[in-house]
Amino acid sequence: MNNRTGPPGPSEIERLSLSIIDAEVPEPRPFEGDEWVIVRRMIHTSADFELLELVDFHPDAIEAGLGAITRGCLLATDTEMVKVGIGPRRLEKWRCTVECHIGDEEVVRRSRGEGITRASAAVDRVFNRINGGIYVIGNAPTALMRLLDLVESGLCRPALVVGMPVGFVNAAESKERLVEQGRVPYITIRGRKGGSALAATVINALAGLAKERIQKEIP
């Protein structure tokens, strides 16, 4: 008689992965509570333990993000990959919307005409509607730089900026500027690392935390 069981399913793989991360990062950890929930998810996505030294949270970031999501906010992304990576079912109960304007005809036309990146031009398509919402940047430093121009000029004020552009040209510099500005809460990764998958993971982790809080409130 064959008593062998099949391979672990998706839920079991996820549980085992998170338990391995917990074991490899024993307490006391650099992050606690909800911050650890988010960073652990980021490590799960990337298998990169260096994130323990690079992730940076504004003190109000998590509460600002949870508040925005549960109010049913707009989330703007710099790439379609970030938009796709954000699980829509995680957010639908709060009627959040996720938009990416990188491919809009007007954005493409302006980018070509003015010699700027599409990611930068796309920020201008949504900045006047992002107050109280979340801007999620996982690829383009130019998007983060343009957003910060508008924030520092007082023209928009997102509830939270997830700023994780990746690369070698202005990625680290744009994130340092995000940390140094004092107007909006942020979650970022210092240095060159980042990416669309990590940025989307942060939003999905926040949505998971919001769901857990609701469940705890139900008697």
C-alpha atoms as a PDB file:
ATOM      1  CA  MET A   1       0.000   0.000   0.000  1.00  0.00           C
ATOM      2  CA  ASN A   2       1.367   3.399  -0.960  1.00  0.00           C
ATOM      3  CA  ASN A   3       1.225   5.788   1.976  1.00  0.00           C
ATOM      4  CA  ARG A   4       3.059   8.613   0.238  1.00  0.00           C
ATOM      5  CA  THR A   5       1.323  11.923   0.263  1.00  0.00           C
ATOM      6  CA  GLY A   6       1.396  14.419  -2.565  1.00  0.00           C
ATOM      7  CA  PRO A   7       3.413  17.607  -2.664  1.00  0.00           C
ATOM      8  CA  PRO A   8       2.325  20.449  -0.368  1.00  0.00           C
ATOM      9  CA  GLY A   9      -0.365  22.742  -1.695  1.00  0.00           C
ATOM     10  CA  PRO A  10      -0.074  26.519  -2.082  1.00  0.00           C
ATOM     11  CA  SER A  11      -1.307  27.318   1.436  1.00  0.00           C
ATOM     12  CA  GLU A  12       1.069  24.835   3.012  1.00  0.00           C
ATOM     13  CA  ILE A  13       4.002  26.124   0.957  1.00  0.00           C
ATOM     14  CA  GLU A  14       3.234  29.655   2.071  1.00  0.00           C
ATOM     15  CA  ARG A  15       2.943  28.626   5.721  1.00  0.00           C
ATOM     16  CA  LEU A  16       6.214  26.707   5.588  1.00  0.00           C
ATOM     17  CA  SER A  17       7.980  29.592   3.853  1.00  0.00           C
ATOM     18  CA  LEU A  18       6.879  32.102   6.470  1.00  0.00           C
ATOM     19  CA  SER A  19       7.894  29.764   9.284  1.00  0.00           C
ATOM     20  CA  ILE A  20      11.352  29.401   7.713  1.00  0.00           C
ATOM     21  CA  ILE A  21      11.705  33.177   7.576  1.00  0.00           C
ATOM     22  CA  ASP A  22      10.669  33.447  11.227  1.00  0.00           C
ATOM     23  CA  ALA A  23      13.232  30.819  12.157  1.00  0.00           C
ATOM     24  CA  GLU A  24      16.033  32.490  10.195  1.00  0.00           C
ATOM     25  CA  VAL A  25      15.295  35.887  11.735  1.00  0.00           C
ATOM     26  CA  PRO A  26      15.006  35.102  15.459  1.00  0.00           C
ATOM     27  CA  GLU A  27      13.783  37.605  17.995  1.00  0.00           C
ATOM     28  CA  PRO A  28      14.596  40.329  18.779  1.00  0.00           C
ATOM     29  CA  ARG A  29      14.002  41.339  15.173  1.00  0.00           C
ATOM     30  CA  PRO A  30      14.695  44.682  13.498  1.00  0.00           C
ATOM     31  CA  PHE A  31      10.930  45.026  12.984  1.00  0.00           C
ATOM     32  CA  GLU A  32       8.023  44.127  15.241  1.00  0.00           C
ATOM     33  CA  GLY A  33       4.266  43.807  14.987  1.00  0.00           C
ATOM     34  CA  ASP A  34       2.660  44.993  11.783  1.00  0.00           C
ATOM     35  CA  GLU A  35       6.002  46.171  10.415  1.00  0.00           C
ATOM     36  CA  TRP A  36       7.340  42.630  10.693  1.00  0.00           C
ATOM     37  CA  VAL A  37       4.246  41.258   8.970  1.00  0.00           C
ATOM     38  CA  ILE A  38       4.986  43.497   5.995  1.00  0.00           C
ATOM     39  CA  VAL A  39       8.747  42.955   5.884  1.00  0.00           C
ATOM     40  CA  ARG A  40       8.317  39.201   6.232  1.00  0.00           C
ATOM     41  CA  ARG A  41       6.014  39.250   3.214  1.00  0.00           C
ATOM     42  CA  MET A  42       8.602  41.233   1.292  1.00  0.00           C
ATOM     43  CA  ILE A  43      11.262  38.655   2.136  1.00  0.00           C
ATOM     44  CA  HIS A  44       8.851  35.893   1.134  1.00  0.00           C
ATOM     45  CA  THR A  45       8.409  37.597  -2.252  1.00  0.00           C
ATOM     46  CA  SER A  46      12.104  38.180  -2.903  1.00  0.00           C
ATOM     47  CA  ALA A  47      14.060  35.693  -0.729  1.00  0.00           C
ATOM     48  CA  ASP A  48      16.216  38.714   0.111  1.00  0.00           C
ATOM     49  CA  PHE A  49      17.153  38.987   3.776  1.00  0.00           C
ATOM     50  CA  GLU A  50      19.121  42.160   3.096  1.00  0.00           C
ATOM     51  CA  LEU A  51      15.752  43.905   3.213  1.00  0.00           C
ATOM     52  CA  LEU A  52      16.036  43.689   6.993  1.00  0.00           C
ATOM     53  CA  GLU A  53      18.619  46.459   6.763  1.00  0.00           C
ATOM     54  CA  LEU A  54      17.019  48.464   3.959  1.00  0.00           C
ATOM     55  CA  VAL A  55      13.268  48.758   4.557  1.00  0.00           C
ATOM     56  CA  ASP A  56      12.294  52.073   6.125  1.00  0.00           C
ATOM     57  CA  PHE A  57       8.893  52.930   7.605  1.00  0.00           C
ATOM     58  CA  HIS A  58       7.647  56.396   8.418  1.00  0.00           C
ATOM     59  CA  PRO A  59       6.214  56.207  11.966  1.00  0.00           C
ATOM     60  CA  ASP A  60       2.683  56.859  10.672  1.00  0.00           C
ATOM     61  CA  ALA A  61       2.939  54.736   7.530  1.00  0.00           C
ATOM     62  CA  ILE A  62       0.963  51.666   8.529  1.00  0.00           C
ATOM     63  CA  GLU A  63      -1.912  53.513  10.179  1.00  0.00           C
ATOM     64  CA  ALA A  64      -2.074  55.927   7.252  1.00  0.00           C
ATOM     65  CA  GLY A  65      -2.144  53.063   4.767  1.00  0.00           C
ATOM     66  CA  LEU A  66      -4.767  51.089   6.667  1.00  0.00           C
ATOM     67  CA  GLY A  67      -6.932  54.173   7.035  1.00  0.00           C
ATOM     68  CA  ALA A  68      -6.744  54.951   3.336  1.00  0.00           C
ATOM     69  CA  ILE A  69      -7.597  51.393   2.301  1.00  0.00           C
ATOM     70  CA  THR A  70     -10.547  51.031   4.660  1.00  0.00           C
ATOM     71  CA  ARG A  71     -11.943  54.357   3.449  1.00  0.00           C
ATOM     72  CA  GLY A  72     -11.965  53.003  -0.101  1.00  0.00           C
ATOM     73  CA  CYS A  73      -9.132  55.041  -1.539  1.00  0.00           C
ATOM     74  CA  LEU A  74      -7.583  55.429  -4.972  1.00  0.00           C
ATOM     75  CA  LEU A  75      -4.290  53.616  -5.460  1.00  0.00           C
ATOM     76  CA  ALA A  76      -2.151  54.876  -8.332  1.00  0.00           C
ATOM     77  CA  THR A  77       0.735  52.777  -9.643  1.00  0.00           C
ATOM     78  CA  ASP A  78       3.694  53.607 -11.849  1.00  0.00           C
ATOM     79  CA  THR A  79       3.538  50.371 -13.873  1.00  0.00           C
ATOM     80  CA  GLU A  80       0.945  47.885 -15.034  1.00  0.00           C
ATOM     81  CA  MET A  81       3.009  45.196 -13.303  1.00  0.00           C
ATOM     82  CA  VAL A  82       2.391  46.812  -9.916  1.00  0.00           C
ATOM     83  CA  LYS A  83      -1.293  47.150 -10.724  1.00  0.00           C
ATOM     84  CA  VAL A  84      -1.561  43.487 -11.696  1.00  0.00           C
ATOM     85  CA  GLY A  85       0.416  42.443  -8.624  1.00  0.00           C
ATOM     86  CA  ILE A  86      -2.059  44.101  -6.280  1.00  0.00           C
ATOM     87  CA  GLY A  87      -4.733  41.498  -5.714  1.00  0.00           C
ATOM     88  CA  PRO A  88      -8.039  43.223  -6.558  1.00  0.00           C
ATOM     89  CA  ARG A  89     -10.058  40.832  -4.413  1.00  0.00           C
ATOM     90  CA  ARG A  90      -8.073  41.902  -1.374  1.00  0.00           C
ATOM     91  CA  LEU A  91      -9.306  45.468  -1.857  1.00  0.00           C
ATOM     92  CA  GLU A  92     -12.779  45.048  -3.332  1.00  0.00           C
ATOM     93  CA  LYS A  93     -14.570  44.912   0.033  1.00  0.00           C
ATOM     94  CA  TRP A  94     -13.508  48.526   0.621  1.00  0.00           C
ATOM     95  CA  ARG A  95     -14.234  49.565  -2.978  1.00  0.00           C
ATOM     96  CA  CYS A  96     -10.710  50.775  -3.570  1.00  0.00           C
ATOM     97  CA  THR A  97      -9.691  51.457  -7.147  1.00  0.00           C
ATOM     98  CA  VAL A  98      -6.274  50.833  -8.678  1.00  0.00           C
ATOM     99  CA  GLU A  99      -5.166  52.933 -11.660  1.00  0.00           C
ATOM    100  CA  CYS A 100      -2.095  53.035 -13.873  1.00  0.00           C
ATOM    101  CA  HIS A 101      -1.810  55.718 -16.557  1.00  0.00           C
ATOM    102  CA  ILE A 102       1.543  54.782 -18.066  1.00  0.00           C
ATOM    103  CA  GLY A 103      -0.122  53.752 -21.344  1.00  0.00           C
ATOM    104  CA  ASP A 104      -2.590  56.627 -21.710  1.00  0.00           C
ATOM    105  CA  GLU A 105      -2.430  58.333 -25.104  1.00  0.00           C
ATOM    106  CA  GLU A 106      -2.069  61.748 -23.501  1.00  0.00           C
ATOM    107  CA  VAL A 107       0.807  60.491 -21.333  1.00  0.00           C
ATOM    108  CA  VAL A 108       2.603  58.989 -24.328  1.00  0.00           C
ATOM    109  CA  ARG A 109       2.092  62.148 -26.372  1.00  0.00           C
ATOM    110  CA  ARG A 110       3.342  64.435 -23.618  1.00  0.00           C
ATOM    111  CA  SER A 111       6.312  62.202 -22.910  1.00  0.00           C
ATOM    112  CA  ARG A 112       7.413  62.372 -26.541  1.00  0.00           C
ATOM    113  CA  GLY A 113       6.710  66.058 -26.912  1.00  0.00           C
ATOM    114  CA  GLU A 114       8.471  67.201 -23.748  1.00  0.00           C
ATOM    115  CA  GLY A 115      11.226  64.600 -23.628  1.00  0.00           C
ATOM    116  CA  ILE A 116      10.217  63.281 -20.214  1.00  0.00           C
ATOM    117  CA  THR A 117       9.525  59.738 -19.084  1.00  0.00           C
ATOM    118  CA  ARG A 118       6.027  58.335 -19.346  1.00  0.00           C
ATOM    119  CA  ALA A 119       6.172  57.487 -15.651  1.00  0.00           C
ATOM    120  CA  SER A 120       6.724  61.137 -14.814  1.00  0.00           C
ATOM    121  CA  ALA A 121       3.990  62.320 -17.167  1.00  0.00           C
ATOM    122  CA  ALA A 122       1.596  59.757 -15.707  1.00  0.00           C
ATOM    123  CA  VAL A 123       1.914  61.306 -12.253  1.00  0.00           C
ATOM    124  CA  ASP A 124       0.391  64.503 -13.607  1.00  0.00           C
ATOM    125  CA  ARG A 125      -2.644  62.538 -14.798  1.00  0.00           C
ATOM    126  CA  VAL A 126      -3.647  61.562 -11.291  1.00  0.00           C
ATOM    127  CA  PHE A 127      -2.008  63.886  -8.760  1.00  0.00           C
ATOM    128  CA  ASN A 128      -5.134  66.015  -8.285  1.00  0.00           C
ATOM    129  CA  ARG A 129      -7.130  62.922  -7.256  1.00  0.00           C
ATOM    130  CA  ILE A 130      -4.574  61.206  -5.039  1.00  0.00           C
ATOM    131  CA  ASN A 131      -5.133  63.241  -1.864  1.00  0.00           C
ATOM    132  CA  GLY A 132      -5.913  60.713   0.849  1.00  0.00           C
ATOM    133  CA  GLY A 133      -4.967  57.853  -1.463  1.00  0.00           C
ATOM    134  CA  ILE A 134      -1.846  55.741  -1.955  1.00  0.00           C
ATOM    135  CA  TYR A 135       0.777  56.162  -4.655  1.00  0.00           C
ATOM    136  CA  VAL A 136       2.659  52.909  -5.300  1.00  0.00           C
ATOM    137  CA  ILE A 137       5.965  53.161  -7.190  1.00  0.00           C
ATOM    138  CA  GLY A 138       7.919  49.994  -7.888  1.00  0.00           C
ATOM    139  CA  ASN A 139       9.969  50.848 -10.921  1.00  0.00           C
ATOM    140  CA  ALA A 140      10.473  54.463 -11.977  1.00  0.00           C
ATOM    141  CA  PRO A 141      12.581  56.944  -9.982  1.00  0.00           C
ATOM    142  CA  THR A 142      11.272  59.703 -12.254  1.00  0.00           C
ATOM    143  CA  ALA A 143       7.736  59.005 -11.051  1.00  0.00           C
ATOM    144  CA  LEU A 144       8.799  59.354  -7.433  1.00  0.00           C
ATOM    145  CA  MET A 145      10.758  62.524  -8.151  1.00  0.00           C
ATOM    146  CA  ARG A 146       7.789  64.102  -9.944  1.00  0.00           C
ATOM    147  CA  LEU A 147       5.395  63.082  -7.196  1.00  0.00           C
ATOM    148  CA  LEU A 148       7.681  64.633  -4.583  1.00  0.00           C
ATOM    149  CA  ASP A 149       7.854  67.853  -6.617  1.00  0.00           C
ATOM    150  CA  LEU A 150       4.074  68.072  -6.415  1.00  0.00           C
ATOM    151  CA  VAL A 151       3.929  67.095  -2.749  1.00  0.00           C
ATOM    152  CA  GLU A 152       6.557  69.644  -1.774  1.00  0.00           C
ATOM    153  CA  SER A 153       4.737  72.314  -3.787  1.00  0.00           C
ATOM    154  CA  GLY A 154       1.580  71.606  -1.801  1.00  0.00           C
ATOM    155  CA  LEU A 155      -0.304  70.433  -4.886  1.00  0.00           C
ATOM    156  CA  CYS A 156      -1.094  66.941  -3.606  1.00  0.00           C
ATOM    157  CA  ARG A 157      -0.895  64.976  -0.392  1.00  0.00           C
ATOM    158  CA  PRO A 158      -1.282  61.209  -0.583  1.00  0.00           C
ATOM    159  CA  ALA A 159      -2.057  59.389   2.635  1.00  0.00           C
ATOM    160  CA  LEU A 160       0.884  57.080   1.915  1.00  0.00           C
ATOM    161  CA  VAL A 161       3.646  56.710  -0.642  1.00  0.00           C
ATOM    162  CA  VAL A 162       5.053  53.233  -1.227  1.00  0.00           C
ATOM    163  CA  GLY A 163       8.278  54.280  -2.909  1.00  0.00           C
ATOM    164  CA  MET A 164      10.384  51.374  -4.149  1.00  0.00           C
ATOM    165  CA  PRO A 165      11.889  52.305  -7.526  1.00  0.00           C
ATOM    166  CA  VAL A 166      14.720  50.018  -8.558  1.00  0.00           C
ATOM    167  CA  GLY A 167      17.890  50.632 -10.497  1.00  0.00           C
ATOM    168  CA  PHE A 168      21.099  52.600 -10.805  1.00  0.00           C
ATOM    169  CA  VAL A 169      20.040  56.078 -11.953  1.00  0.00           C
ATOM    170  CA  ASN A 170      18.352  58.154  -9.236  1.00  0.00           C
ATOM    171  CA  ALA A 171      16.670  55.172  -7.577  1.00  0.00           C
ATOM    172  CA  ALA A 172      18.568  55.561  -4.300  1.00  0.00           C
ATOM    173  CA  GLU A 173      18.483  59.355  -4.529  1.00  0.00           C
ATOM    174  CA  SER A 174      14.724  59.514  -5.063  1.00  0.00           C
ATOM    175  CA  LYS A 175      14.123  57.324  -2.034  1.00  0.00           C
ATOM    176  CA  GLU A 176      16.437  59.404   0.144  1.00  0.00           C
ATOM    177  CA  ARG A 177      14.429  62.445  -0.888  1.00  0.00           C
ATOM    178  CA  LEU A 178      11.234  60.607   0.069  1.00  0.00           C
ATOM    179  CA  VAL A 179      12.631  59.860   3.518  1.00  0.00           C
ATOM    180  CA  GLU A 180      13.843  63.411   4.037  1.00  0.00           C
ATOM    181  CA  GLN A 181      10.616  65.183   3.055  1.00  0.00           C
ATOM    182  CA  GLY A 182       8.325  65.757   5.992  1.00  0.00           C
ATOM    183  CA  ARG A 183       4.897  65.952   4.414  1.00  0.00           C
ATOM    184  CA  VAL A 184       3.654  62.416   3.701  1.00  0.00           C
ATOM    185  CA  PRO A 185       4.136  58.985   5.328  1.00  0.00           C
ATOM    186  CA  TYR A 186       6.109  56.444   3.333  1.00  0.00           C
ATOM    187  CA  ILE A 187       7.331  52.863   3.135  1.00  0.00           C
ATOM    188  CA  THR A 188      10.531  52.508   1.143  1.00  0.00           C
ATOM    189  CA  ILE A 189      13.663  50.450   0.516  1.00  0.00           C
ATOM    190  CA  ARG A 190      16.859  52.456   0.798  1.00  0.00           C
ATOM    191  CA  GLY A 191      19.461  52.065  -1.906  1.00  0.00           C
ATOM    192  CA  ARG A 192      19.154  50.522  -5.352  1.00  0.00           C
ATOM    193  CA  LYS A 193      16.839  47.643  -4.557  1.00  0.00           C
ATOM    194  CA  GLY A 194      13.090  47.670  -5.057  1.00  0.00           C
ATOM    195  CA  GLY A 195      10.762  46.533  -7.793  1.00  0.00           C
ATOM    196  CA  SER A 196       7.150  46.132  -8.785  1.00  0.00           C
ATOM    197  CA  ALA A 197       6.666  42.825  -6.993  1.00  0.00           C
ATOM    198  CA  LEU A 198       7.860  44.236  -3.670  1.00  0.00           C
ATOM    199  CA  ALA A 199       5.737  47.374  -3.997  1.00  0.00           C
ATOM    200  CA  ALA A 200       2.635  45.303  -4.727  1.00  0.00           C
ATOM    201  CA  THR A 201       3.452  42.990  -1.821  1.00  0.00           C
ATOM    202  CA  VAL A 202       3.341  45.917   0.589  1.00  0.00           C
ATOM    203  CA  ILE A 203      -0.186  46.819  -0.495  1.00  0.00           C
ATOM    204  CA  ASN A 204      -1.356  43.219  -0.288  1.00  0.00           C
ATOM    205  CA  ALA A 205       0.129  42.924   3.201  1.00  0.00           C
ATOM    206  CA  LEU A 206      -1.647  46.113   4.285  1.00  0.00           C
ATOM    207  CA  ALA A 207      -4.920  44.754   2.916  1.00  0.00           C
ATOM    208  CA  GLY A 208      -4.357  41.560   4.899  1.00  0.00           C
ATOM    209  CA  LEU A 209      -3.761  43.563   8.071  1.00  0.00           C
ATOM    210  CA  ALA A 210      -6.922  45.576   7.457  1.00  0.00           C
ATOM    211  CA  LYS A 211      -8.930  42.379   7.089  1.00  0.00           C
ATOM    212  CA  GLU A 212      -7.486  40.964  10.310  1.00  0.00           C
ATOM    213  CA  ARG A 213      -8.425  44.093  12.228  1.00  0.00           C
ATOM    214  CA  ILE A 214     -12.001  43.884  11.028  1.00  0.00           C
ATOM    215  CA  GLN A 215     -12.221  40.241  12.048  1.00  0.00           C
ATOM    216  CA  LYS A 216     -10.928  41.069  15.531  1.00  0.00           C
ATOM    217  CA  GLU A 217     -13.556  43.752  15.923  1.00  0.00           C
ATOM    218  CA  ILE A 218     -16.404  41.343  15.122  1.00  0.00           C
ATOM    219  CA  PRO A 219     -17.640  39.768  18.374  1.00  0.00           C
END
